[in-house]
Amino acid sequence: MMRATVDADLCTGCELCVETCPEIFEMQGDVAVATVDVIPVDAVESAREAAEECPVEAITLEE
Protein backbone atom coordinates (compact mmCIF):
# COMPACT_ATOMS: atom_id res chain seq x y z
CA MET A 1 0.00 0.00 0.00
CA MET A 2 1.46 3.35 -1.05
CA ARG A 3 0.35 6.86 -0.15
CA ALA A 4 1.32 10.22 -1.63
CA THR A 5 1.44 13.60 0.04
CA VAL A 6 2.32 17.01 -1.34
CA ASP A 7 3.99 19.59 0.89
CA ALA A 8 1.97 22.72 0.10
CA ASP A 9 4.72 24.94 1.51
CA LEU A 10 7.22 23.55 -1.03
CA CYS A 11 4.91 23.14 -4.05
CA THR A 12 5.43 25.81 -6.70
CA GLY A 13 2.37 24.86 -8.74
CA CYS A 14 4.31 23.83 -11.84
CA GLU A 15 1.69 21.12 -12.57
CA LEU A 16 4.30 18.55 -13.64
CA CYS A 17 2.88 15.95 -11.24
CA VAL A 18 -0.65 16.54 -12.58
CA GLU A 19 0.59 16.02 -16.14
CA THR A 20 2.61 12.92 -15.16
CA CYS A 21 0.06 11.25 -12.89
CA PRO A 22 -3.43 12.77 -13.18
CA GLU A 23 -4.91 9.69 -11.47
CA ILE A 24 -3.36 10.85 -8.19
CA PHE A 25 -2.60 14.58 -8.39
CA GLU A 26 -4.70 17.63 -9.17
CA MET A 27 -4.34 21.34 -8.71
CA GLN A 28 -6.26 23.06 -5.94
CA GLY A 29 -5.63 26.72 -6.39
CA ASP A 30 -1.91 27.31 -6.78
CA VAL A 31 -0.73 23.98 -5.34
CA ALA A 32 -1.02 20.31 -6.20
CA VAL A 33 -2.71 17.81 -3.90
CA ALA A 34 -2.97 14.04 -3.82
CA THR A 35 -6.59 13.10 -4.46
CA VAL A 36 -6.56 9.51 -3.19
CA ASP A 37 -5.63 7.98 0.16
CA VAL A 38 -4.06 4.86 -1.32
CA ILE A 39 -2.40 4.84 -4.73
CA PRO A 40 -3.88 2.13 -6.97
CA VAL A 41 -1.37 -0.47 -8.13
CA ASP A 42 -1.70 0.62 -11.76
CA ALA A 43 -0.73 4.20 -10.84
CA VAL A 44 2.30 3.45 -8.64
CA GLU A 45 4.84 3.77 -11.45
CA SER A 46 3.53 7.15 -12.64
CA ALA A 47 3.27 8.39 -9.03
CA ARG A 48 6.93 7.49 -8.50
CA GLU A 49 7.84 9.29 -11.71
CA ALA A 50 5.92 12.39 -10.59
CA ALA A 51 7.72 12.37 -7.22
CA GLU A 52 11.14 11.95 -8.86
CA GLU A 53 10.48 14.72 -11.39
CA CYS A 54 9.13 17.27 -8.88
CA PRO A 55 11.62 20.16 -9.17
CA VAL A 56 11.22 21.14 -5.51
CA GLU A 57 10.83 17.62 -4.05
CA ALA A 58 7.40 18.47 -2.63
CA ILE A 59 5.98 14.95 -3.13
CA THR A 60 6.49 12.23 -0.54
CA LEU A 61 5.60 8.61 -1.21
CA GLU A 62 5.15 6.28 1.75
CA GLU A 63 4.88 2.51 1.49
C-alpha atoms as a PDB file:
ATOM      1  CA  MET A   1       0.000   0.000   0.000  1.00  0.00           C
ATOM      2  CA  MET A   2       1.463   3.350  -1.050  1.00  0.00           C
ATOM      3  CA  ARG A   3       0.351   6.858  -0.147  1.00  0.00           C
ATOM      4  CA  ALA A   4       1.324  10.220  -1.633  1.00  0.00           C
ATOM      5  CA  THR A   5       1.442  13.597   0.037  1.00  0.00           C
ATOM      6  CA  VAL A   6       2.317  17.008  -1.338  1.00  0.00           C
ATOM      7  CA  ASP A   7       3.994  19.591   0.890  1.00  0.00           C
ATOM      8  CA  ALA A   8       1.968  22.715   0.096  1.00  0.00           C
ATOM      9  CA  ASP A   9       4.725  24.935   1.506  1.00  0.00           C
ATOM     10  CA  LEU A  10       7.220  23.552  -1.031  1.00  0.00           C
ATOM     11  CA  CYS A  11       4.915  23.142  -4.047  1.00  0.00           C
ATOM     12  CA  THR A  12       5.433  25.811  -6.699  1.00  0.00           C
ATOM     13  CA  GLY A  13       2.365  24.855  -8.735  1.00  0.00           C
ATOM     14  CA  CYS A  14       4.314  23.828 -11.838  1.00  0.00           C
ATOM     15  CA  GLU A  15       1.685  21.121 -12.566  1.00  0.00           C
ATOM     16  CA  LEU A  16       4.296  18.552 -13.636  1.00  0.00           C
ATOM     17  CA  CYS A  17       2.878  15.947 -11.241  1.00  0.00           C
ATOM     18  CA  VAL A  18      -0.646  16.544 -12.581  1.00  0.00           C
ATOM     19  CA  GLU A  19       0.587  16.022 -16.135  1.00  0.00           C
ATOM     20  CA  THR A  20       2.608  12.921 -15.160  1.00  0.00           C
ATOM     21  CA  CYS A  21       0.061  11.252 -12.887  1.00  0.00           C
ATOM     22  CA  PRO A  22      -3.432  12.771 -13.183  1.00  0.00           C
ATOM     23  CA  GLU A  23      -4.907   9.687 -11.472  1.00  0.00           C
ATOM     24  CA  ILE A  24      -3.364  10.854  -8.192  1.00  0.00           C
ATOM     25  CA  PHE A  25      -2.599  14.585  -8.392  1.00  0.00           C
ATOM     26  CA  GLU A  26      -4.701  17.629  -9.175  1.00  0.00           C
ATOM     27  CA  MET A  27      -4.343  21.335  -8.713  1.00  0.00           C
ATOM     28  CA  GLN A  28      -6.259  23.057  -5.938  1.00  0.00           C
ATOM     29  CA  GLY A  29      -5.631  26.722  -6.391  1.00  0.00           C
ATOM     30  CA  ASP A  30      -1.908  27.313  -6.778  1.00  0.00           C
ATOM     31  CA  VAL A  31      -0.734  23.975  -5.345  1.00  0.00           C
ATOM     32  CA  ALA A  32      -1.020  20.310  -6.198  1.00  0.00           C
ATOM     33  CA  VAL A  33      -2.707  17.808  -3.900  1.00  0.00           C
ATOM     34  CA  ALA A  34      -2.967  14.037  -3.821  1.00  0.00           C
ATOM     35  CA  THR A  35      -6.586  13.101  -4.461  1.00  0.00           C
ATOM     36  CA  VAL A  36      -6.557   9.509  -3.195  1.00  0.00           C
ATOM     37  CA  ASP A  37      -5.629   7.983   0.160  1.00  0.00           C
ATOM     38  CA  VAL A  38      -4.060   4.864  -1.318  1.00  0.00           C
ATOM     39  CA  ILE A  39      -2.395   4.841  -4.726  1.00  0.00           C
ATOM     40  CA  PRO A  40      -3.883   2.130  -6.969  1.00  0.00           C
ATOM     41  CA  VAL A  41      -1.373  -0.475  -8.133  1.00  0.00           C
ATOM     42  CA  ASP A  42      -1.700   0.615 -11.757  1.00  0.00           C
ATOM     43  CA  ALA A  43      -0.726   4.203 -10.845  1.00  0.00           C
ATOM     44  CA  VAL A  44       2.304   3.450  -8.639  1.00  0.00           C
ATOM     45  CA  GLU A  45       4.838   3.774 -11.453  1.00  0.00           C
ATOM     46  CA  SER A  46       3.525   7.147 -12.642  1.00  0.00           C
ATOM     47  CA  ALA A  47       3.274   8.390  -9.032  1.00  0.00           C
ATOM     48  CA  ARG A  48       6.934   7.492  -8.498  1.00  0.00           C
ATOM     49  CA  GLU A  49       7.835   9.291 -11.714  1.00  0.00           C
ATOM     50  CA  ALA A  50       5.924  12.387 -10.587  1.00  0.00           C
ATOM     51  CA  ALA A  51       7.722  12.375  -7.217  1.00  0.00           C
ATOM     52  CA  GLU A  52      11.135  11.950  -8.855  1.00  0.00           C
ATOM     53  CA  GLU A  53      10.483  14.724 -11.385  1.00  0.00           C
ATOM     54  CA  CYS A  54       9.126  17.269  -8.885  1.00  0.00           C
ATOM     55  CA  PRO A  55      11.617  20.156  -9.166  1.00  0.00           C
ATOM     56  CA  VAL A  56      11.221  21.138  -5.507  1.00  0.00           C
ATOM     57  CA  GLU A  57      10.830  17.621  -4.053  1.00  0.00           C
ATOM     58  CA  ALA A  58       7.400  18.468  -2.627  1.00  0.00           C
ATOM     59  CA  ILE A  59       5.978  14.953  -3.128  1.00  0.00           C
ATOM     60  CA  THR A  60       6.494  12.229  -0.543  1.00  0.00           C
ATOM     61  CA  LEU A  61       5.601   8.615  -1.207  1.00  0.00           C
ATOM     62  CA  GLU A  62       5.148   6.278   1.746  1.00  0.00           C
ATOM     63  CA  GLU A  63       4.879   2.512   1.489  1.00  0.00           C
END
